Every structure is written in C-alpha cells, then in structure tokens.
Amino acid sequence: MAGTTLKSSSTGPALLLNVLNVLCIILFAYFTYTNFNILTFVEIYIIVSVIIQVLMLVSLFNVHPRKISNVMEGIICWIGSSLVFHTIAVLYGAPLFSSVSETFHLAMLLATTAALPGLMVLGIRKEEWTRLFFKTRIFSSPSSALEISILASGVCSVLGAWLGAFPIPLDWDRPWQVWPISCVIGTLAGYSCGLIFATCFILYQNMKGSKSKLF
C-alpha cells in the first residue's frame, strides 16, 4: 500500500517559516548576549516574528487565503491571548502589582509563539482549534505541515515557559533568575525545539512517502 505525505501545498512555507523563526531567535540571542536587556529583546523579537508570520502565512505563499478583516480579527485575538497569558502567569505566582511590564512582555511572547501562528492559519474558528488539539491524531495521520508546526511549537513553548519558572526561587543568585528572564529563555528554547521537531518530522514524513511510491 502506498504511503501518504503531508499536504505539499504547506510543506515548503512551513519549513521556511520554521527555519526563519529559529534563525531569528539565534541572531537576537547573539546580539543581546553582551548587553542583555530582556524587555528590548522580547519587543524586537515579537515585532520581527509577527511580520514574518503575517507576510509568509497570509501574503507571500497564500497557503490559507484570508480577507484583511480576518487577519485583523486574528491580531485582536492575539492581543487578547496576551491578557489571558498574563492572567495565567499571575495565577501561577507572578507578581501582581510589581514587575507588571515584565510579566506582560512574557505574556505577549507566549501569545506570539503559542497563539499567533494558529490564529494566522486557523483563524478564530473554535472547531478548527478543537480539531487540531483534541480530535486529530496529527502525528499519526497525514495533515498540514503548518498545522504540525503550530501544534509542536505552541505546546513546547508553553511547556518551556513553565519549566523556566523552576529555577527562579532557588538561591543560586544568578542574573538570569530575575523574573521573567528564565521563563523567556524557556519559552524561546521550547519554541525552537518544537520547530526543529516539526521540521524533522515533516522531512521524515515526506521522505517516507517518497520512498513508498517506488513500491
């Protein structure tokens, strides 16, 4: 029986988007290493990431054609998801009245890595999000390469932020233990790991599908 591959229409854009996002993280981390300002780092990364995702997912490749109004709805929901992540961070122990700017920067970063890609591709339709996260066995059945990237990077970025909070209360007295530096590092590390995993999985699925056509 012939194998199946991921939807070819989204494989190229997904791979290129993954590579560009990982390169952005590496470059910004390098240029801010000697004079690390966590808020400036997050602000620049968010701006560049938003531009890349909007242009590549909506305009350049036209994988999921959408009207300008739908894009604006996605941006509004992205801002709303920032408030949701901010609230979750406070509920999990982030300062309520102090370090508000730092917490909101982390929330916007999480919204950019975990929510914005899905909003650009899936829109704000509840059934699409339910299908992606709860109903589709996405890693064991043929699916859109972009959807696999969205799922892997989103889950890994949230998991990375959660794991990044563990060193904060420890008495190591390291500069990166100041809120929310370790969470930002964890978010970007998790996001990068998710993108790398998704890229490897997409390439593996396409290679497997190509080989199966020979039999």
Protein backbone atom coordinates (compact mmCIF):
# COMPACT_ATOMS: atom_id res chain seq x y z
CA MET A 1 0.00 0.00 0.00
CA ALA A 2 1.34 3.40 -0.94
CA GLY A 3 2.19 5.74 1.90
CA THR A 4 0.89 9.21 2.40
CA THR A 5 2.70 12.51 2.67
CA LEU A 6 1.88 15.79 4.27
CA LYS A 7 -0.05 18.29 2.23
CA SER A 8 2.53 19.52 -0.24
CA SER A 9 0.98 22.97 -0.55
CA SER A 10 2.02 23.85 3.00
CA THR A 11 5.25 21.88 3.38
CA GLY A 12 7.54 24.48 1.78
CA PRO A 13 6.16 27.50 3.66
CA ALA A 14 6.13 25.53 6.93
CA LEU A 15 9.77 24.52 6.61
CA LEU A 16 10.88 28.02 5.61
CA LEU A 17 8.87 29.60 8.42
CA ASN A 18 10.40 27.20 10.95
CA VAL A 19 13.94 27.94 9.77
CA LEU A 20 13.42 31.72 9.79
CA ASN A 21 11.98 31.68 13.30
CA VAL A 22 14.85 29.62 14.69
CA LEU A 23 17.37 31.89 12.94
CA CYS A 24 15.66 34.95 14.44
CA ILE A 25 15.96 33.51 17.93
CA ILE A 26 19.65 32.65 17.45
CA LEU A 27 20.54 36.05 15.95
CA PHE A 28 18.71 38.09 18.59
CA ALA A 29 20.20 35.98 21.37
CA TYR A 30 23.69 36.56 19.93
CA PHE A 31 23.33 40.33 19.51
CA THR A 32 21.90 40.81 23.02
CA TYR A 33 24.32 38.46 24.79
CA THR A 34 26.88 41.09 25.77
CA ASN A 35 24.32 43.71 26.87
CA PHE A 36 21.23 41.69 27.72
CA ASN A 37 18.02 43.68 28.07
CA ILE A 38 15.18 41.20 28.33
CA LEU A 39 12.38 43.65 27.53
CA THR A 40 14.09 45.04 24.44
CA PHE A 41 14.90 41.52 23.29
CA VAL A 42 11.26 40.43 23.61
CA GLU A 43 9.94 43.56 21.91
CA ILE A 44 12.21 43.23 18.88
CA TYR A 45 11.59 39.50 18.55
CA ILE A 46 7.82 39.94 18.74
CA ILE A 47 7.83 42.64 16.06
CA VAL A 48 10.01 40.63 13.68
CA SER A 49 8.14 37.39 14.35
CA VAL A 50 4.75 38.99 13.73
CA ILE A 51 5.95 40.49 10.45
CA ILE A 52 7.41 37.17 9.29
CA GLN A 53 4.33 35.16 10.19
CA VAL A 54 1.83 37.60 8.70
CA LEU A 55 3.74 38.00 5.44
CA MET A 56 4.63 34.35 4.95
CA LEU A 57 1.41 32.72 6.07
CA VAL A 58 -1.00 35.22 4.55
CA SER A 59 0.61 37.14 1.72
CA LEU A 60 3.67 35.53 0.18
CA PHE A 61 2.65 31.88 -0.07
CA ASN A 62 -1.10 32.34 0.07
CA VAL A 63 -1.48 28.89 1.67
CA HIS A 64 -4.61 29.90 3.52
CA PRO A 65 -6.19 32.85 1.66
CA ARG A 66 -7.99 35.16 4.04
CA LYS A 67 -9.51 38.61 3.93
CA ILE A 68 -7.88 41.57 5.65
CA SER A 69 -10.75 41.62 8.15
CA ASN A 70 -9.93 38.05 9.17
CA VAL A 71 -6.29 38.98 9.67
CA MET A 72 -7.32 41.89 11.88
CA GLU A 73 -9.51 39.55 13.91
CA GLY A 74 -6.50 37.31 14.40
CA ILE A 75 -4.35 40.24 15.58
CA ILE A 76 -7.07 41.33 18.03
CA CYS A 77 -7.33 37.79 19.39
CA TRP A 78 -3.54 37.70 19.68
CA ILE A 79 -3.67 40.78 21.91
CA GLY A 80 -6.49 39.17 23.89
CA SER A 81 -4.45 35.99 24.31
CA SER A 82 -1.65 38.14 25.76
CA LEU A 83 -4.04 39.22 28.51
CA VAL A 84 -5.01 35.59 29.08
CA PHE A 85 -1.39 34.50 29.42
CA HIS A 86 -0.73 37.47 31.73
CA THR A 87 -3.59 36.37 33.97
CA ILE A 88 -2.36 32.76 33.97
CA ALA A 89 1.14 33.91 34.91
CA VAL A 90 -0.21 35.88 37.87
CA LEU A 91 -2.31 32.93 38.98
CA TYR A 92 0.81 30.76 38.88
CA GLY A 93 2.73 33.14 41.12
CA ALA A 94 3.95 36.09 39.03
CA PRO A 95 3.97 39.45 40.86
CA LEU A 96 0.54 41.08 40.72
CA PHE A 97 1.42 44.73 41.33
CA SER A 98 5.16 44.78 40.70
CA SER A 99 7.01 43.79 37.52
CA VAL A 100 3.78 44.24 35.54
CA SER A 101 5.65 45.24 32.39
CA GLU A 102 7.96 42.23 32.64
CA THR A 103 5.03 39.85 33.10
CA PHE A 104 3.13 41.33 30.16
CA HIS A 105 6.21 41.05 27.93
CA LEU A 106 6.36 37.34 28.77
CA ALA A 107 2.64 37.05 28.09
CA MET A 108 2.99 38.71 24.69
CA LEU A 109 5.91 36.43 23.85
CA LEU A 110 3.82 33.36 24.72
CA ALA A 111 0.94 34.72 22.67
CA THR A 112 3.33 35.19 19.73
CA THR A 113 4.78 31.68 19.91
CA ALA A 114 1.72 29.69 21.01
CA ALA A 115 -1.33 31.56 19.69
CA LEU A 116 -0.42 33.82 16.75
CA PRO A 117 0.65 31.10 14.28
CA GLY A 118 -2.64 29.29 14.82
CA LEU A 119 -4.64 32.48 14.51
CA MET A 120 -2.95 33.25 11.18
CA VAL A 121 -3.59 29.75 9.77
CA LEU A 122 -6.74 28.51 11.50
CA GLY A 123 -8.44 31.81 12.22
CA ILE A 124 -10.67 32.19 15.26
CA ARG A 125 -12.94 29.26 14.49
CA LYS A 126 -13.40 27.17 17.62
CA GLU A 127 -13.96 23.93 15.69
CA GLU A 128 -10.58 24.26 13.95
CA TRP A 129 -8.73 24.66 17.24
CA THR A 130 -10.67 21.79 18.78
CA ARG A 131 -9.83 19.57 15.82
CA LEU A 132 -6.15 20.44 15.97
CA PHE A 133 -5.58 19.97 19.70
CA PHE A 134 -8.18 17.41 20.71
CA LYS A 135 -9.65 15.43 17.81
CA THR A 136 -6.95 14.88 15.20
CA ARG A 137 -4.16 12.37 15.75
CA ILE A 138 -1.95 14.79 13.93
CA PHE A 139 1.35 12.93 14.28
CA SER A 140 -0.05 9.57 13.16
CA SER A 141 -2.09 10.69 10.15
CA PRO A 142 -1.50 12.90 7.11
CA SER A 143 -2.04 16.54 7.94
CA SER A 144 -0.97 20.03 7.02
CA ALA A 145 2.70 20.73 7.64
CA LEU A 146 1.76 24.15 9.01
CA GLU A 147 -0.64 22.57 11.50
CA ILE A 148 2.06 20.21 12.76
CA SER A 149 4.40 23.19 13.24
CA ILE A 150 1.67 25.10 15.07
CA LEU A 151 0.92 22.23 17.43
CA ALA A 152 4.52 21.29 18.20
CA SER A 153 5.86 24.82 18.66
CA GLY A 154 2.84 26.01 20.65
CA VAL A 155 2.87 23.14 23.12
CA CYS A 156 6.65 23.23 23.50
CA SER A 157 6.78 27.00 24.07
CA VAL A 158 4.20 26.84 26.87
CA LEU A 159 5.98 23.85 28.39
CA GLY A 160 9.30 25.70 28.14
CA ALA A 161 7.89 28.75 29.94
CA TRP A 162 6.57 26.51 32.72
CA LEU A 163 9.90 24.71 33.11
CA GLY A 164 11.73 28.04 33.02
CA ALA A 165 9.99 29.12 36.21
CA PHE A 166 11.51 26.34 38.29
CA PRO A 167 14.98 27.94 38.83
CA ILE A 168 13.56 31.32 39.95
CA PRO A 169 13.04 30.52 43.68
CA LEU A 170 16.39 28.71 44.03
CA ASP A 171 19.13 30.57 45.95
CA TRP A 172 21.74 30.46 43.20
CA ASP A 173 21.85 34.27 42.89
CA ARG A 174 22.28 34.23 39.14
CA PRO A 175 21.30 37.25 36.98
CA TRP A 176 19.06 35.10 34.77
CA GLN A 177 16.95 34.10 37.79
CA VAL A 178 15.36 37.55 37.89
CA TRP A 179 11.72 37.43 36.75
CA PRO A 180 10.95 36.65 33.96
CA ILE A 181 14.30 36.01 32.24
CA SER A 182 14.39 32.24 32.77
CA CYS A 183 10.77 31.95 31.57
CA VAL A 184 11.59 33.93 28.42
CA ILE A 185 14.59 31.69 27.79
CA GLY A 186 12.44 28.62 28.42
CA THR A 187 9.73 29.89 26.06
CA LEU A 188 12.15 30.52 23.20
CA ALA A 189 14.06 27.29 23.85
CA GLY A 190 10.82 25.30 23.87
CA TYR A 191 9.56 27.11 20.78
CA SER A 192 12.81 26.37 18.94
CA CYS A 193 12.71 22.71 19.99
CA GLY A 194 9.13 22.46 18.76
CA LEU A 195 10.02 23.99 15.39
CA ILE A 196 13.06 21.75 15.00
CA PHE A 197 11.00 18.68 15.90
CA ALA A 198 8.25 19.69 13.46
CA THR A 199 10.80 20.31 10.69
CA CYS A 200 12.42 16.90 11.21
CA PHE A 201 9.02 15.22 11.35
CA ILE A 202 7.84 16.91 8.14
CA LEU A 203 11.02 15.93 6.30
CA TYR A 204 10.78 12.36 7.61
CA GLN A 205 7.15 12.01 6.54
CA ASN A 206 7.87 13.34 3.07
CA MET A 207 10.91 11.08 2.67
CA LYS A 208 8.87 8.08 3.79
CA GLY A 209 6.09 9.00 1.39
CA SER A 210 8.53 9.42 -1.49
CA LYS A 211 10.09 6.01 -0.88
CA SER A 212 6.71 4.30 -0.65
CA LYS A 213 5.82 5.49 -4.16
CA LEU A 214 8.60 3.28 -5.53
CA PHE A 215 6.78 0.09 -4.44
